[in-house]
Amino acid sequence: MVGNYRNPGPQDEYSQGQGGYPPVSQPAPVRTEVNAGRLWAGGVAAAVVAALIGLVGVLVARAVFQLSPKSSSAFGDDATVQLCVVAALAALMATGIAHLLLVSTPSPLSYFGWIVGLLTVAAVVVPFLGSGSLVVRLSEAVIHLVIGIAIGGLVSNAAGSASRLTLGENR
């Protein structure tokens, strides 16, 4: 017998490598390529949608519950403008977070989902920390919830469509 598993013979294919095993090559690392233009275009669109959800939410709450301050116009007051601006900024910040996670973390959309989910819960709780009627606080909480869900879904979809995994070079 020329060789066995303990003492391979000279003709054995495994005897060529170090220690009796074939040489091991390192696999190419997996990298995420991000199309930043596509991601940020989706983020800007999400910002517009988030602002519009704020506006429509205020209009619906005012129409259903007759919540109309005397000094406001048909579309609301300064608080409505502030809500729309903050919603749009939140969508843009979410896009920035998604971009950062895409280029730096494994499973970036899982982390993104947790971050957006927890911030949405915080935004829903905030109206209940203040004073005012329960109807107004509930309306604000529902509007914040819908805005958070929209931002999370839209930015997550934009991030998914703007990124792809590629094999990088060995270094």
N, C-alpha and C. Protein backbone atom coordinates (compact mmCIF):
# COMPACT_ATOMS: atom_id res chain seq x y z
N MET A 1 0.84 -1.16 0.00
CA MET A 1 0.00 0.00 0.00
C MET A 1 0.89 1.23 0.00
N VAL A 2 0.66 2.13 -0.96
CA VAL A 2 1.50 3.31 -1.12
C VAL A 2 1.20 4.36 -0.06
N GLY A 3 -0.03 4.54 0.29
CA GLY A 3 -0.38 5.55 1.28
C GLY A 3 -1.74 5.29 1.88
N ASN A 4 -2.00 5.89 2.99
CA ASN A 4 -3.31 5.83 3.60
C ASN A 4 -3.64 7.20 4.17
N TYR A 5 -4.70 7.26 4.93
CA TYR A 5 -5.10 8.58 5.40
C TYR A 5 -4.12 9.17 6.41
N ARG A 6 -3.34 8.32 7.08
CA ARG A 6 -2.36 8.83 8.05
C ARG A 6 -1.03 9.16 7.39
N ASN A 7 -0.70 8.45 6.37
CA ASN A 7 0.59 8.62 5.71
C ASN A 7 0.38 8.59 4.21
N PRO A 8 0.00 9.73 3.64
CA PRO A 8 -0.28 9.72 2.20
C PRO A 8 0.98 9.43 1.39
N GLY A 9 0.79 8.76 0.31
CA GLY A 9 1.91 8.41 -0.57
C GLY A 9 2.34 9.60 -1.40
N PRO A 10 3.44 9.46 -2.13
CA PRO A 10 3.96 10.58 -2.91
C PRO A 10 3.05 10.97 -4.07
N GLN A 11 2.18 10.09 -4.53
CA GLN A 11 1.32 10.39 -5.66
C GLN A 11 -0.03 10.97 -5.23
N ASP A 12 -0.26 11.06 -3.94
CA ASP A 12 -1.54 11.52 -3.42
C ASP A 12 -1.72 13.02 -3.71
N GLU A 13 -2.93 13.43 -4.11
CA GLU A 13 -3.17 14.83 -4.45
C GLU A 13 -3.06 15.75 -3.23
N TYR A 14 -3.26 15.25 -2.03
CA TYR A 14 -3.17 16.07 -0.84
C TYR A 14 -1.75 16.24 -0.33
N SER A 15 -0.83 15.49 -0.85
CA SER A 15 0.54 15.59 -0.38
C SER A 15 1.25 16.83 -0.93
N GLN A 16 0.64 17.53 -1.87
CA GLN A 16 1.25 18.70 -2.48
C GLN A 16 1.18 19.93 -1.58
N GLY A 17 0.15 20.04 -0.75
CA GLY A 17 -0.01 21.21 0.10
C GLY A 17 0.75 21.07 1.41
N GLN A 18 0.74 22.11 2.19
CA GLN A 18 1.45 22.11 3.47
C GLN A 18 0.65 21.29 4.47
N GLY A 19 1.33 20.36 5.18
CA GLY A 19 0.67 19.55 6.18
C GLY A 19 -0.23 18.48 5.60
N GLY A 20 -0.07 18.15 4.34
CA GLY A 20 -0.88 17.11 3.74
C GLY A 20 -2.21 17.59 3.21
N TYR A 21 -2.49 18.88 3.28
CA TYR A 21 -3.76 19.41 2.79
C TYR A 21 -3.49 20.35 1.62
N PRO A 22 -4.46 20.51 0.76
CA PRO A 22 -4.26 21.43 -0.37
C PRO A 22 -4.17 22.87 0.15
N PRO A 23 -3.49 23.73 -0.57
CA PRO A 23 -3.39 25.13 -0.14
C PRO A 23 -4.77 25.77 -0.12
N VAL A 24 -5.00 26.60 0.87
CA VAL A 24 -6.29 27.26 1.02
C VAL A 24 -6.17 28.68 0.51
N SER A 25 -7.08 29.06 -0.38
CA SER A 25 -7.09 30.44 -0.87
C SER A 25 -8.16 31.20 -0.11
N GLN A 26 -7.91 32.47 0.14
CA GLN A 26 -8.87 33.30 0.85
C GLN A 26 -10.00 33.67 -0.09
N PRO A 27 -11.26 33.57 0.37
CA PRO A 27 -12.37 33.97 -0.48
C PRO A 27 -12.39 35.49 -0.64
N ALA A 28 -12.92 35.91 -1.76
CA ALA A 28 -13.03 37.35 -2.00
C ALA A 28 -14.03 37.95 -1.01
N PRO A 29 -13.71 39.10 -0.42
CA PRO A 29 -14.66 39.71 0.53
C PRO A 29 -15.89 40.23 -0.20
N VAL A 30 -17.00 40.20 0.50
CA VAL A 30 -18.24 40.72 -0.05
C VAL A 30 -18.36 42.19 0.37
N ARG A 31 -18.64 43.04 -0.58
CA ARG A 31 -18.78 44.47 -0.32
C ARG A 31 -20.15 44.94 -0.79
N THR A 32 -20.59 46.04 -0.22
CA THR A 32 -21.86 46.63 -0.64
C THR A 32 -21.57 47.84 -1.51
N GLU A 33 -22.09 47.82 -2.72
CA GLU A 33 -22.01 48.99 -3.60
C GLU A 33 -23.30 49.78 -3.43
N VAL A 34 -23.16 51.08 -3.23
CA VAL A 34 -24.33 51.94 -3.02
C VAL A 34 -24.41 52.95 -4.15
N ASN A 35 -25.56 53.01 -4.80
CA ASN A 35 -25.83 54.04 -5.79
C ASN A 35 -26.40 55.23 -5.01
N ALA A 36 -25.51 56.14 -4.62
CA ALA A 36 -25.90 57.25 -3.73
C ALA A 36 -26.97 58.14 -4.35
N GLY A 37 -26.89 58.38 -5.64
CA GLY A 37 -27.89 59.23 -6.29
C GLY A 37 -29.28 58.65 -6.19
N ARG A 38 -29.38 57.35 -6.41
CA ARG A 38 -30.67 56.67 -6.32
C ARG A 38 -31.18 56.66 -4.88
N LEU A 39 -30.28 56.42 -3.93
CA LEU A 39 -30.67 56.39 -2.52
C LEU A 39 -31.20 57.76 -2.09
N TRP A 40 -30.47 58.81 -2.41
CA TRP A 40 -30.87 60.15 -1.96
C TRP A 40 -32.09 60.67 -2.72
N ALA A 41 -32.27 60.25 -3.97
CA ALA A 41 -33.51 60.62 -4.67
C ALA A 41 -34.71 59.99 -3.97
N GLY A 42 -34.55 58.74 -3.56
CA GLY A 42 -35.61 58.09 -2.79
C GLY A 42 -35.82 58.77 -1.44
N GLY A 43 -34.73 59.22 -0.81
CA GLY A 43 -34.84 59.92 0.46
C GLY A 43 -35.57 61.25 0.34
N VAL A 44 -35.30 61.98 -0.74
CA VAL A 44 -36.00 63.26 -0.95
C VAL A 44 -37.49 63.00 -1.22
N ALA A 45 -37.78 61.96 -2.00
CA ALA A 45 -39.18 61.61 -2.25
C ALA A 45 -39.87 61.20 -0.94
N ALA A 46 -39.17 60.46 -0.10
CA ALA A 46 -39.72 60.08 1.20
C ALA A 46 -39.96 61.30 2.07
N ALA A 47 -39.09 62.30 1.98
CA ALA A 47 -39.27 63.54 2.74
C ALA A 47 -40.54 64.27 2.30
N VAL A 48 -40.78 64.31 1.01
CA VAL A 48 -41.99 64.95 0.50
C VAL A 48 -43.23 64.20 1.00
N VAL A 49 -43.19 62.87 0.92
CA VAL A 49 -44.32 62.07 1.38
C VAL A 49 -44.54 62.27 2.88
N ALA A 50 -43.48 62.27 3.67
CA ALA A 50 -43.62 62.45 5.12
C ALA A 50 -44.24 63.81 5.46
N ALA A 51 -43.81 64.85 4.76
CA ALA A 51 -44.39 66.18 4.99
C ALA A 51 -45.87 66.20 4.62
N LEU A 52 -46.20 65.56 3.51
CA LEU A 52 -47.60 65.52 3.09
C LEU A 52 -48.46 64.70 4.05
N ILE A 53 -47.89 63.63 4.62
CA ILE A 53 -48.64 62.86 5.62
C ILE A 53 -48.94 63.74 6.83
N GLY A 54 -47.97 64.54 7.23
CA GLY A 54 -48.20 65.46 8.34
C GLY A 54 -49.33 66.43 8.03
N LEU A 55 -49.32 67.00 6.84
CA LEU A 55 -50.34 67.96 6.44
C LEU A 55 -51.71 67.30 6.36
N VAL A 56 -51.78 66.17 5.68
CA VAL A 56 -53.07 65.48 5.53
C VAL A 56 -53.56 64.97 6.89
N GLY A 57 -52.66 64.51 7.72
CA GLY A 57 -53.06 64.06 9.04
C GLY A 57 -53.69 65.16 9.87
N VAL A 58 -53.10 66.35 9.81
CA VAL A 58 -53.68 67.49 10.54
C VAL A 58 -55.04 67.85 9.95
N LEU A 59 -55.15 67.85 8.63
CA LEU A 59 -56.44 68.17 8.00
C LEU A 59 -57.52 67.16 8.39
N VAL A 60 -57.18 65.88 8.39
CA VAL A 60 -58.15 64.84 8.75
C VAL A 60 -58.54 64.97 10.22
N ALA A 61 -57.56 65.16 11.09
CA ALA A 61 -57.86 65.30 12.52
C ALA A 61 -58.74 66.51 12.78
N ARG A 62 -58.46 67.60 12.09
CA ARG A 62 -59.26 68.81 12.28
C ARG A 62 -60.67 68.61 11.75
N ALA A 63 -60.81 67.91 10.63
CA ALA A 63 -62.14 67.69 10.05
C ALA A 63 -62.96 66.70 10.88
N VAL A 64 -62.34 65.62 11.33
CA VAL A 64 -63.07 64.59 12.06
C VAL A 64 -63.41 65.04 13.47
N PHE A 65 -62.44 65.63 14.15
CA PHE A 65 -62.63 65.98 15.56
C PHE A 65 -62.92 67.46 15.78
N GLN A 66 -63.09 68.22 14.71
CA GLN A 66 -63.37 69.66 14.81
C GLN A 66 -62.33 70.37 15.67
N LEU A 67 -61.04 70.05 15.40
CA LEU A 67 -59.93 70.65 16.13
C LEU A 67 -59.40 71.83 15.33
N SER A 68 -60.01 72.96 15.46
CA SER A 68 -59.65 74.10 14.65
C SER A 68 -59.43 75.33 15.53
N PRO A 69 -58.15 75.67 15.77
CA PRO A 69 -57.92 76.91 16.51
C PRO A 69 -58.45 78.10 15.74
N LYS A 70 -58.91 79.09 16.44
CA LYS A 70 -59.53 80.27 15.80
C LYS A 70 -58.55 81.04 14.92
N SER A 71 -57.27 81.02 15.26
CA SER A 71 -56.31 81.84 14.53
C SER A 71 -55.60 81.08 13.41
N SER A 72 -56.14 79.95 12.99
CA SER A 72 -55.44 79.18 11.96
C SER A 72 -56.18 79.24 10.63
N SER A 73 -55.43 78.96 9.57
CA SER A 73 -56.03 78.94 8.24
C SER A 73 -56.62 77.56 7.99
N ALA A 74 -57.06 77.32 6.76
CA ALA A 74 -57.66 76.03 6.41
C ALA A 74 -56.64 74.90 6.54
N PHE A 75 -55.36 75.19 6.32
CA PHE A 75 -54.33 74.15 6.39
C PHE A 75 -53.64 74.08 7.74
N GLY A 76 -54.08 74.82 8.71
CA GLY A 76 -53.48 74.76 10.03
C GLY A 76 -52.72 76.03 10.36
N ASP A 77 -51.83 75.91 11.35
CA ASP A 77 -51.08 77.06 11.82
C ASP A 77 -49.59 76.75 11.79
N ASP A 78 -48.83 77.49 12.59
CA ASP A 78 -47.38 77.28 12.62
C ASP A 78 -47.00 75.88 13.08
N ALA A 79 -47.81 75.30 13.95
CA ALA A 79 -47.52 73.94 14.41
C ALA A 79 -47.61 72.93 13.26
N THR A 80 -48.51 73.17 12.33
CA THR A 80 -48.64 72.29 11.16
C THR A 80 -47.40 72.40 10.28
N VAL A 81 -46.95 73.62 10.06
CA VAL A 81 -45.73 73.83 9.26
C VAL A 81 -44.54 73.18 9.95
N GLN A 82 -44.46 73.35 11.25
CA GLN A 82 -43.36 72.74 12.01
C GLN A 82 -43.41 71.21 11.89
N LEU A 83 -44.59 70.61 12.01
CA LEU A 83 -44.73 69.17 11.87
C LEU A 83 -44.26 68.70 10.50
N CYS A 84 -44.65 69.39 9.45
CA CYS A 84 -44.27 69.01 8.08
C CYS A 84 -42.76 69.13 7.87
N VAL A 85 -42.17 70.19 8.37
CA VAL A 85 -40.73 70.39 8.22
C VAL A 85 -39.96 69.33 9.00
N VAL A 86 -40.38 69.05 10.23
CA VAL A 86 -39.69 68.04 11.04
C VAL A 86 -39.85 66.66 10.39
N ALA A 87 -41.00 66.35 9.84
CA ALA A 87 -41.20 65.06 9.16
C ALA A 87 -40.27 64.93 7.95
N ALA A 88 -40.15 66.00 7.17
CA ALA A 88 -39.25 65.96 6.01
C ALA A 88 -37.80 65.81 6.45
N LEU A 89 -37.40 66.55 7.49
CA LEU A 89 -36.03 66.43 7.99
C LEU A 89 -35.76 65.03 8.56
N ALA A 90 -36.76 64.44 9.20
CA ALA A 90 -36.60 63.08 9.73
C ALA A 90 -36.36 62.08 8.60
N ALA A 91 -37.05 62.26 7.49
CA ALA A 91 -36.85 61.36 6.35
C ALA A 91 -35.45 61.53 5.76
N LEU A 92 -34.97 62.76 5.69
CA LEU A 92 -33.61 62.99 5.18
C LEU A 92 -32.56 62.44 6.14
N MET A 93 -32.80 62.59 7.45
CA MET A 93 -31.88 62.02 8.42
C MET A 93 -31.89 60.50 8.34
N ALA A 94 -33.05 59.91 8.14
CA ALA A 94 -33.15 58.46 7.99
C ALA A 94 -32.38 57.99 6.75
N THR A 95 -32.41 58.78 5.70
CA THR A 95 -31.65 58.44 4.49
C THR A 95 -30.16 58.48 4.78
N GLY A 96 -29.72 59.47 5.53
CA GLY A 96 -28.31 59.54 5.91
C GLY A 96 -27.89 58.36 6.77
N ILE A 97 -28.74 57.98 7.71
CA ILE A 97 -28.45 56.82 8.55
C ILE A 97 -28.39 55.56 7.70
N ALA A 98 -29.33 55.40 6.78
CA ALA A 98 -29.33 54.23 5.90
C ALA A 98 -28.06 54.18 5.06
N HIS A 99 -27.63 55.32 4.54
CA HIS A 99 -26.41 55.37 3.74
C HIS A 99 -25.20 54.95 4.58
N LEU A 100 -25.11 55.49 5.77
CA LEU A 100 -24.01 55.14 6.66
C LEU A 100 -24.02 53.65 6.99
N LEU A 101 -25.18 53.10 7.29
CA LEU A 101 -25.26 51.68 7.61
C LEU A 101 -24.94 50.80 6.42
N LEU A 102 -25.35 51.21 5.22
CA LEU A 102 -25.09 50.41 4.02
C LEU A 102 -23.60 50.25 3.76
N VAL A 103 -22.83 51.27 4.05
CA VAL A 103 -21.39 51.20 3.75
C VAL A 103 -20.55 50.73 4.93
N SER A 104 -21.20 50.51 6.11
CA SER A 104 -20.35 50.21 7.26
C SER A 104 -20.74 48.99 8.08
N THR A 105 -21.93 48.46 7.93
CA THR A 105 -22.36 47.39 8.82
C THR A 105 -22.85 46.16 8.06
N PRO A 106 -22.76 45.00 8.69
CA PRO A 106 -23.40 43.82 8.13
C PRO A 106 -24.91 43.92 8.38
N SER A 107 -25.71 43.38 7.51
CA SER A 107 -27.18 43.43 7.62
C SER A 107 -27.68 44.84 7.91
N PRO A 108 -27.34 45.80 7.06
CA PRO A 108 -27.67 47.20 7.37
C PRO A 108 -29.16 47.48 7.50
N LEU A 109 -29.99 46.80 6.72
CA LEU A 109 -31.42 47.10 6.78
C LEU A 109 -32.05 46.57 8.07
N SER A 110 -31.46 45.56 8.69
CA SER A 110 -31.96 45.10 9.99
C SER A 110 -31.71 46.18 11.05
N TYR A 111 -30.50 46.72 11.06
CA TYR A 111 -30.20 47.80 12.00
C TYR A 111 -31.06 49.03 11.72
N PHE A 112 -31.24 49.33 10.45
CA PHE A 112 -32.05 50.48 10.07
C PHE A 112 -33.49 50.31 10.58
N GLY A 113 -34.04 49.13 10.41
CA GLY A 113 -35.40 48.88 10.88
C GLY A 113 -35.55 49.08 12.37
N TRP A 114 -34.57 48.61 13.13
CA TRP A 114 -34.61 48.81 14.58
C TRP A 114 -34.50 50.28 14.95
N ILE A 115 -33.60 50.99 14.30
CA ILE A 115 -33.42 52.41 14.62
C ILE A 115 -34.70 53.18 14.32
N VAL A 116 -35.25 52.99 13.14
CA VAL A 116 -36.47 53.72 12.76
C VAL A 116 -37.64 53.30 13.64
N GLY A 117 -37.74 52.01 13.94
CA GLY A 117 -38.83 51.54 14.79
C GLY A 117 -38.79 52.14 16.18
N LEU A 118 -37.62 52.17 16.78
CA LEU A 118 -37.51 52.74 18.13
C LEU A 118 -37.74 54.25 18.14
N LEU A 119 -37.24 54.94 17.11
CA LEU A 119 -37.50 56.39 17.04
C LEU A 119 -38.97 56.68 16.79
N THR A 120 -39.64 55.81 16.04
CA THR A 120 -41.07 55.99 15.82
C THR A 120 -41.85 55.80 17.12
N VAL A 121 -41.48 54.79 17.89
CA VAL A 121 -42.14 54.58 19.18
C VAL A 121 -41.94 55.82 20.07
N ALA A 122 -40.73 56.35 20.08
CA ALA A 122 -40.47 57.56 20.88
C ALA A 122 -41.34 58.72 20.40
N ALA A 123 -41.48 58.87 19.09
CA ALA A 123 -42.29 59.97 18.55
C ALA A 123 -43.77 59.78 18.88
N VAL A 124 -44.22 58.54 18.97
CA VAL A 124 -45.62 58.28 19.32
C VAL A 124 -45.87 58.58 20.80
N VAL A 125 -44.90 58.35 21.65
CA VAL A 125 -45.07 58.57 23.08
C VAL A 125 -45.01 60.05 23.45
N VAL A 126 -44.24 60.84 22.72
CA VAL A 126 -44.02 62.25 23.07
C VAL A 126 -45.32 63.05 23.27
N PRO A 127 -46.34 62.92 22.43
CA PRO A 127 -47.56 63.72 22.68
C PRO A 127 -48.21 63.43 24.03
N PHE A 128 -48.03 62.24 24.57
CA PHE A 128 -48.65 61.90 25.84
C PHE A 128 -47.89 62.46 27.04
N LEU A 129 -46.72 63.02 26.80
CA LEU A 129 -45.95 63.63 27.89
C LEU A 129 -46.38 65.06 28.17
N GLY A 130 -47.10 65.66 27.24
CA GLY A 130 -47.54 67.03 27.40
C GLY A 130 -48.96 67.10 27.93
N SER A 131 -49.49 68.30 27.93
CA SER A 131 -50.86 68.49 28.39
C SER A 131 -51.75 68.77 27.19
N GLY A 132 -53.01 68.78 27.41
CA GLY A 132 -53.97 68.99 26.34
C GLY A 132 -55.01 67.89 26.37
N SER A 133 -55.98 68.03 25.50
CA SER A 133 -57.05 67.03 25.49
C SER A 133 -56.54 65.70 24.96
N LEU A 134 -57.17 64.63 25.39
CA LEU A 134 -56.78 63.29 24.96
C LEU A 134 -56.95 63.10 23.46
N VAL A 135 -57.98 63.71 22.90
CA VAL A 135 -58.23 63.59 21.46
C VAL A 135 -57.08 64.20 20.66
N VAL A 136 -56.61 65.35 21.08
CA VAL A 136 -55.50 66.02 20.39
C VAL A 136 -54.24 65.17 20.51
N ARG A 137 -53.95 64.66 21.71
CA ARG A 137 -52.75 63.85 21.91
C ARG A 137 -52.81 62.55 21.11
N LEU A 138 -53.97 61.92 21.08
CA LEU A 138 -54.13 60.70 20.28
C LEU A 138 -53.94 61.00 18.79
N SER A 139 -54.50 62.10 18.33
CA SER A 139 -54.35 62.48 16.92
C SER A 139 -52.88 62.70 16.57
N GLU A 140 -52.17 63.41 17.42
CA GLU A 140 -50.74 63.64 17.19
C GLU A 140 -49.98 62.33 17.17
N ALA A 141 -50.29 61.43 18.10
CA ALA A 141 -49.60 60.15 18.17
C ALA A 141 -49.83 59.32 16.91
N VAL A 142 -51.06 59.31 16.42
CA VAL A 142 -51.37 58.54 15.20
C VAL A 142 -50.65 59.14 14.00
N ILE A 143 -50.63 60.47 13.91
CA ILE A 143 -49.92 61.13 12.81
C ILE A 143 -48.43 60.78 12.86
N HIS A 144 -47.83 60.83 14.05
CA HIS A 144 -46.41 60.47 14.20
C HIS A 144 -46.17 59.02 13.81
N LEU A 145 -47.08 58.13 14.18
CA LEU A 145 -46.94 56.71 13.84
C LEU A 145 -46.97 56.51 12.33
N VAL A 146 -47.91 57.13 11.66
CA VAL A 146 -48.01 56.96 10.20
C VAL A 146 -46.78 57.56 9.50
N ILE A 147 -46.31 58.69 9.98
CA ILE A 147 -45.10 59.28 9.41
C ILE A 147 -43.91 58.34 9.61
N GLY A 148 -43.75 57.79 10.81
CA GLY A 148 -42.64 56.87 11.07
C GLY A 148 -42.69 55.62 10.23
N ILE A 149 -43.88 55.06 10.07
CA ILE A 149 -44.03 53.86 9.23
C ILE A 149 -43.68 54.18 7.79
N ALA A 150 -44.14 55.32 7.30
CA ALA A 150 -43.85 55.71 5.92
C ALA A 150 -42.36 55.93 5.70
N ILE A 151 -41.73 56.63 6.61
CA ILE A 151 -40.28 56.88 6.48
C ILE A 151 -39.53 55.57 6.50
N GLY A 152 -39.85 54.71 7.46
CA GLY A 152 -39.16 53.42 7.55
C GLY A 152 -39.32 52.59 6.29
N GLY A 153 -40.53 52.48 5.80
CA GLY A 153 -40.76 51.67 4.60
C GLY A 153 -40.16 52.26 3.34
N LEU A 154 -40.36 53.56 3.13
CA LEU A 154 -39.88 54.18 1.89
C LEU A 154 -38.36 54.25 1.83
N VAL A 155 -37.73 54.66 2.92
CA VAL A 155 -36.27 54.76 2.91
C VAL A 155 -35.63 53.38 2.86
N SER A 156 -36.23 52.42 3.55
CA SER A 156 -35.72 51.05 3.50
C SER A 156 -35.79 50.49 2.08
N ASN A 157 -36.89 50.72 1.39
CA ASN A 157 -37.01 50.27 0.00
C ASN A 157 -36.02 50.99 -0.91
N ALA A 158 -35.84 52.28 -0.68
CA ALA A 158 -34.86 53.02 -1.49
C ALA A 158 -33.46 52.49 -1.25
N ALA A 159 -33.13 52.19 0.00
CA ALA A 159 -31.81 51.65 0.33
C ALA A 159 -31.61 50.27 -0.29
N GLY A 160 -32.65 49.45 -0.26
CA GLY A 160 -32.55 48.13 -0.86
C GLY A 160 -32.36 48.18 -2.36
N SER A 161 -33.03 49.10 -3.02
CA SER A 161 -32.90 49.18 -4.48
C SER A 161 -31.65 49.93 -4.92
N ALA A 162 -31.06 50.69 -4.00
CA ALA A 162 -29.86 51.46 -4.35
C ALA A 162 -28.58 50.74 -3.98
N SER A 163 -28.67 49.54 -3.45
CA SER A 163 -27.46 48.83 -3.03
C SER A 163 -27.46 47.42 -3.59
N ARG A 164 -26.24 46.90 -3.74
CA ARG A 164 -26.09 45.50 -4.17
C ARG A 164 -24.77 44.98 -3.63
N LEU A 165 -24.75 43.68 -3.40
CA LEU A 165 -23.53 43.04 -2.90
C LEU A 165 -22.64 42.68 -4.08
N THR A 166 -21.35 42.92 -3.93
CA THR A 166 -20.38 42.56 -4.95
C THR A 166 -19.20 41.87 -4.28
N LEU A 167 -18.47 41.11 -5.06
CA LEU A 167 -17.26 40.50 -4.57
C LEU A 167 -16.11 41.45 -4.81
N GLY A 168 -15.36 41.75 -3.75
CA GLY A 168 -14.23 42.66 -3.85
C GLY A 168 -12.95 41.89 -4.16
N GLU A 169 -11.85 42.59 -4.21
CA GLU A 169 -10.55 41.99 -4.48
C GLU A 169 -9.91 41.56 -3.18
N ASN A 170 -9.08 40.51 -3.24
CA ASN A 170 -8.30 40.11 -2.08
C ASN A 170 -7.17 41.11 -1.88
N ARG A 171 -6.88 41.39 -0.62
CA ARG A 171 -5.79 42.32 -0.34
C ARG A 171 -4.74 41.65 0.47
